[in-house]
C-alpha atoms as a PDB file:
ATOM      1  CA  ILE A   1      -5.338 -10.175  -3.002  1.00  0.00           C
ATOM      2  CA  LEU A   2      -8.596 -10.078  -3.574  1.00  0.00           C
ATOM      3  CA  ASN A   3      -8.155 -11.235  -7.588  1.00  0.00           C
ATOM      4  CA  ASN A   4     -11.647 -11.883  -8.033  1.00  0.00           C
ATOM      5  CA  LYS A   5     -12.742  -8.385  -6.803  1.00  0.00           C
ATOM      6  CA  VAL A   6      -9.943  -6.608  -8.618  1.00  0.00           C
ATOM      7  CA  VAL A   7     -10.534  -7.906 -12.041  1.00  0.00           C
ATOM      8  CA  SER A   8     -14.400  -7.020 -11.850  1.00  0.00           C
ATOM      9  CA  LEU A   9     -13.227  -3.661 -10.883  1.00  0.00           C
ATOM     10  CA  ARG A  10      -9.907  -3.119 -13.478  1.00  0.00           C
ATOM     11  CA  ASN A  11     -12.044  -1.088 -16.124  1.00  0.00           C
ATOM     12  CA  ASP A  12     -14.185   1.101 -13.297  1.00  0.00           C
ATOM     13  CA  CYS A  13     -11.028   2.218 -11.738  1.00  0.00           C
ATOM     14  CA  ALA A  14      -7.662   1.798 -14.278  1.00  0.00           C
ATOM     15  CA  ALA A  15      -8.004   5.597 -14.524  1.00  0.00           C
ATOM     16  CA  TYR A  16      -8.123   5.918 -10.656  1.00  0.00           C
ATOM     17  CA  ALA A  17      -5.018   3.141  -9.510  1.00  0.00           C
ATOM     18  CA  PRO A  18      -3.283   0.632 -10.863  1.00  0.00           C
ATOM     19  CA  LEU A  19      -5.649  -2.319 -10.017  1.00  0.00           C
ATOM     20  CA  GLN A  20      -4.492  -4.323 -13.121  1.00  0.00           C
ATOM     21  CA  LYS A  21      -1.190  -4.482 -11.502  1.00  0.00           C
ATOM     22  CA  ASN A  22      -2.412  -5.688  -8.137  1.00  0.00           C
ATOM     23  CA  ILE A  23       0.527  -6.365  -6.520  1.00  0.00           C
ATOM     24  CA  GLU A  24       2.134  -2.881  -7.314  1.00  0.00           C
ATOM     25  CA  PHE A  25      -1.044  -1.307  -5.660  1.00  0.00           C
ATOM     26  CA  HIS A  26      -0.902  -3.311  -3.133  1.00  0.00           C
ATOM     27  CA  LYS A  27       3.099  -2.054  -2.624  1.00  0.00           C
ATOM     28  CA  LEU A  28       1.833   1.374  -2.672  1.00  0.00           C
ATOM     29  CA  ILE A  29      -1.139   0.872  -0.186  1.00  0.00           C
ATOM     30  CA  ALA A  30       1.694  -0.360   2.093  1.00  0.00           C
ATOM     31  CA  LYS A  31       3.992   2.192   1.636  1.00  0.00           C
ATOM     32  CA  TRP A  32       1.143   5.270   2.208  1.00  0.00           C
ATOM     33  CA  VAL A  33       0.260   3.419   5.381  1.00  0.00           C
ATOM     34  CA  MET A  34       4.005   3.334   6.643  1.00  0.00           C
ATOM     35  CA  VAL A  35       3.887   7.085   5.723  1.00  0.00           C
ATOM     36  CA  CYS A  36       0.717   7.306   7.815  1.00  0.00           C
ATOM     37  CA  ALA A  37       1.795   5.195  10.744  1.00  0.00           C
ATOM     38  CA  LEU A  38       4.585   7.168  10.940  1.00  0.00           C
ATOM     39  CA  ALA A  39       2.384  10.241  11.317  1.00  0.00           C
ATOM     40  CA  HIS A  40       0.378   8.857  13.288  1.00  0.00           C
ATOM     41  CA  THR A  41       3.006   7.981  16.366  1.00  0.00           C
ATOM     42  CA  TYR A  42       4.731  11.412  15.630  1.00  0.00           C
ATOM     43  CA  ALA A  43       1.701  12.863  16.674  1.00  0.00           C
ATOM     44  CA  HIS A  44       0.923  10.467  19.800  1.00  0.00           C
ATOM     45  CA  PHE A  45       4.556  11.757  20.937  1.00  0.00           C
ATOM     46  CA  MET A  46       4.010  15.063  20.455  1.00  0.00           C
ATOM     47  CA  SER A  47       0.705  14.950  22.501  1.00  0.00           C
ATOM     48  CA  VAL A  48       2.646  13.509  25.049  1.00  0.00           C
ATOM     49  CA  TYR A  49       4.982  16.090  25.092  1.00  0.00           C
ATOM     50  CA  GLU A  50       2.821  18.943  25.250  1.00  0.00           C
ATOM     51  CA  TYR A  51      -0.045  17.321  27.292  1.00  0.00           C
ATOM     52  CA  PRO A  52       1.342  14.521  29.713  1.00  0.00           C
ATOM     53  CA  ASP A  53      -1.697  14.994  32.123  1.00  0.00           C
ATOM     54  CA  ILE A  54      -4.007  14.255  29.748  1.00  0.00           C
ATOM     55  CA  TYR A  55      -2.553  11.134  28.254  1.00  0.00           C
ATOM     56  CA  ARG A  56      -1.850   9.953  31.990  1.00  0.00           C
ATOM     57  CA  ASP A  57      -5.613  10.438  32.734  1.00  0.00           C
ATOM     58  CA  ASN A  58      -7.439   8.896  30.276  1.00  0.00           C
ATOM     59  CA  LEU A  59      -5.496   7.060  27.518  1.00  0.00           C
ATOM     60  CA  MET A  60      -2.505   5.311  30.248  1.00  0.00           C
ATOM     61  CA  TYR A  61      -0.767   2.687  28.319  1.00  0.00           C
ATOM     62  CA  SER A  62      -3.494   1.453  26.273  1.00  0.00           C
ATOM     63  CA  PRO A  63      -2.591   3.341  22.653  1.00  0.00           C
ATOM     64  CA  TRP A  64       1.228   2.298  23.429  1.00  0.00           C
ATOM     65  CA  ILE A  65       0.791  -1.341  23.821  1.00  0.00           C
ATOM     66  CA  THR A  66      -1.841  -2.051  20.852  1.00  0.00           C
ATOM     67  CA  GLY A  67       0.789   0.742  18.987  1.00  0.00           C
ATOM     68  CA  GLY A  68       3.744  -1.017  19.928  1.00  0.00           C
ATOM     69  CA  LEU A  69       1.901  -4.178  18.565  1.00  0.00           C
ATOM     70  CA  ILE A  70       0.957  -3.074  15.610  1.00  0.00           C
ATOM     71  CA  TRP A  71       4.421  -1.616  14.752  1.00  0.00           C
ATOM     72  CA  LEU A  72       5.930  -5.142  15.222  1.00  0.00           C
ATOM     73  CA  ALA A  73       3.663  -6.872  12.639  1.00  0.00           C
ATOM     74  CA  MET A  74       4.879  -4.252  10.579  1.00  0.00           C
ATOM     75  CA  PHE A  75       7.884  -4.359  10.642  1.00  0.00           C
ATOM     76  CA  ILE A  76       8.066  -8.370  10.451  1.00  0.00           C
ATOM     77  CA  ILE A  77       5.722  -7.824   7.571  1.00  0.00           C
ATOM     78  CA  TYR A  78       8.008  -5.106   5.692  1.00  0.00           C
ATOM     79  CA  THR A  79      10.954  -6.699   6.316  1.00  0.00           C
ATOM     80  CA  SER A  80      10.516 -10.464   4.918  1.00  0.00           C
ATOM     81  CA  ALA A  81       8.667  -8.136   1.537  1.00  0.00           C
ATOM     82  CA  VAL A  82      11.449  -6.739   0.018  1.00  0.00           C
ATOM     83  CA  ASP A  83      11.970  -8.475  -2.864  1.00  0.00           C
ATOM     84  CA  VAL A  84      15.386  -9.971  -1.898  1.00  0.00           C
ATOM     85  CA  VAL A  85      14.267 -11.506   0.868  1.00  0.00           C
ATOM     86  CA  ARG A  86      11.063 -12.634  -0.611  1.00  0.00           C
ATOM     87  CA  ARG A  87      13.211 -14.329  -4.223  1.00  0.00           C
ATOM     88  CA  ALA A  88      14.782 -16.090  -1.517  1.00  0.00           C
ATOM     89  CA  SER A  89      12.474 -17.507   0.598  1.00  0.00           C
ATOM     90  CA  TYR A  90       8.783 -17.461  -0.313  1.00  0.00           C
ATOM     91  CA  LYS A  91       8.038 -18.917   2.594  1.00  0.00           C
ATOM     92  CA  LEU A  92       9.435 -16.868   4.979  1.00  0.00           C
ATOM     93  CA  PHE A  93       7.556 -13.576   3.081  1.00  0.00           C
ATOM     94  CA  TRP A  94       4.103 -15.764   2.884  1.00  0.00           C
ATOM     95  CA  ASN A  95       4.155 -16.666   6.640  1.00  0.00           C
ATOM     96  CA  ASN A  96       5.642 -13.396   7.909  1.00  0.00           C
ATOM     97  CA  HIS A  97       2.200 -11.448   5.742  1.00  0.00           C
ATOM     98  CA  HIS A  98       0.620 -13.767   8.031  1.00  0.00           C
ATOM     99  CA  TRP A  99       1.611 -11.374  10.964  1.00  0.00           C
ATOM    100  CA  PHE A 100      -1.550  -9.328   9.341  1.00  0.00           C
ATOM    101  CA  ILE A 101      -3.856 -11.097  11.803  1.00  0.00           C
ATOM    102  CA  LEU A 102      -1.891  -8.979  14.914  1.00  0.00           C
ATOM    103  CA  PHE A 103      -1.617  -5.763  12.629  1.00  0.00           C
ATOM    104  CA  PHE A 104      -5.413  -5.574  11.856  1.00  0.00           C
ATOM    105  CA  GLY A 105      -6.683  -7.059  15.611  1.00  0.00           C
ATOM    106  CA  GLY A 106      -4.093  -4.155  17.465  1.00  0.00           C
ATOM    107  CA  LEU A 107      -6.182  -1.819  14.403  1.00  0.00           C
ATOM    108  CA  LEU A 108      -9.283  -2.608  16.238  1.00  0.00           C
ATOM    109  CA  VAL A 109      -8.643  -1.973  19.907  1.00  0.00           C
ATOM    110  CA  HIS A 110      -6.241   0.607  19.085  1.00  0.00           C
ATOM    111  CA  GLY A 111      -8.549   2.992  17.467  1.00  0.00           C
ATOM    112  CA  TRP A 112     -11.908   3.626  18.618  1.00  0.00           C
ATOM    113  CA  VAL A 113     -13.793   4.035  15.046  1.00  0.00           C
ATOM    114  CA  TYR A 114     -11.500   1.500  13.335  1.00  0.00           C
ATOM    115  CA  TRP A 115     -14.099  -0.841  13.373  1.00  0.00           C
ATOM    116  CA  ALA A 116     -16.083   1.073  10.197  1.00  0.00           C
ATOM    117  CA  TRP A 117     -12.941   1.084   8.181  1.00  0.00           C
ATOM    118  CA  PHE A 118     -12.109  -2.419   8.905  1.00  0.00           C
ATOM    119  CA  LEU A 119     -15.549  -3.678   7.591  1.00  0.00           C
ATOM    120  CA  LEU A 120     -15.623  -3.130   4.121  1.00  0.00           C
ATOM    121  CA  PRO A 121     -12.196  -4.658   3.455  1.00  0.00           C
ATOM    122  CA  SER A 122     -12.365  -7.340   5.834  1.00  0.00           C
ATOM    123  CA  LEU A 123     -15.617  -8.545   4.218  1.00  0.00           C
ATOM    124  CA  LEU A 124     -14.277  -8.034   0.944  1.00  0.00           C
ATOM    125  CA  TYR A 125     -11.662 -10.682   2.242  1.00  0.00           C
ATOM    126  CA  CYS A 126     -13.776 -13.039   2.919  1.00  0.00           C
ATOM    127  CA  SER A 127     -15.733 -13.203   0.189  1.00  0.00           C
ATOM    128  CA  GLU A 128     -12.889 -13.820  -1.839  1.00  0.00           C
END
């Protein structure tokens, strides 16, 4: 969870985010990702309802396939991250959290400009 980076940023950003409690911050970000993913998926369904020809002609199935893979990864990660499951089987929690590879890979091909949002976090992760 980028412990070294969190320690170095602790004093600068403590007023804005609970960086000194990195697991709590990680859970907060995960909840925000879930809310945004639900809103994004809802928007896709509403767009298909309003403009079915545009989806059929331009996007076809790609957002549904990549979006489904992203949701699958989120489901597996989130269900094993519940405190009861994590405490009962930490190995299951740890192994299922490696579905982040499918999650981020799906995001890279799901959105045309996601690579720009992915660049900095991935560099931080790799540098850790």
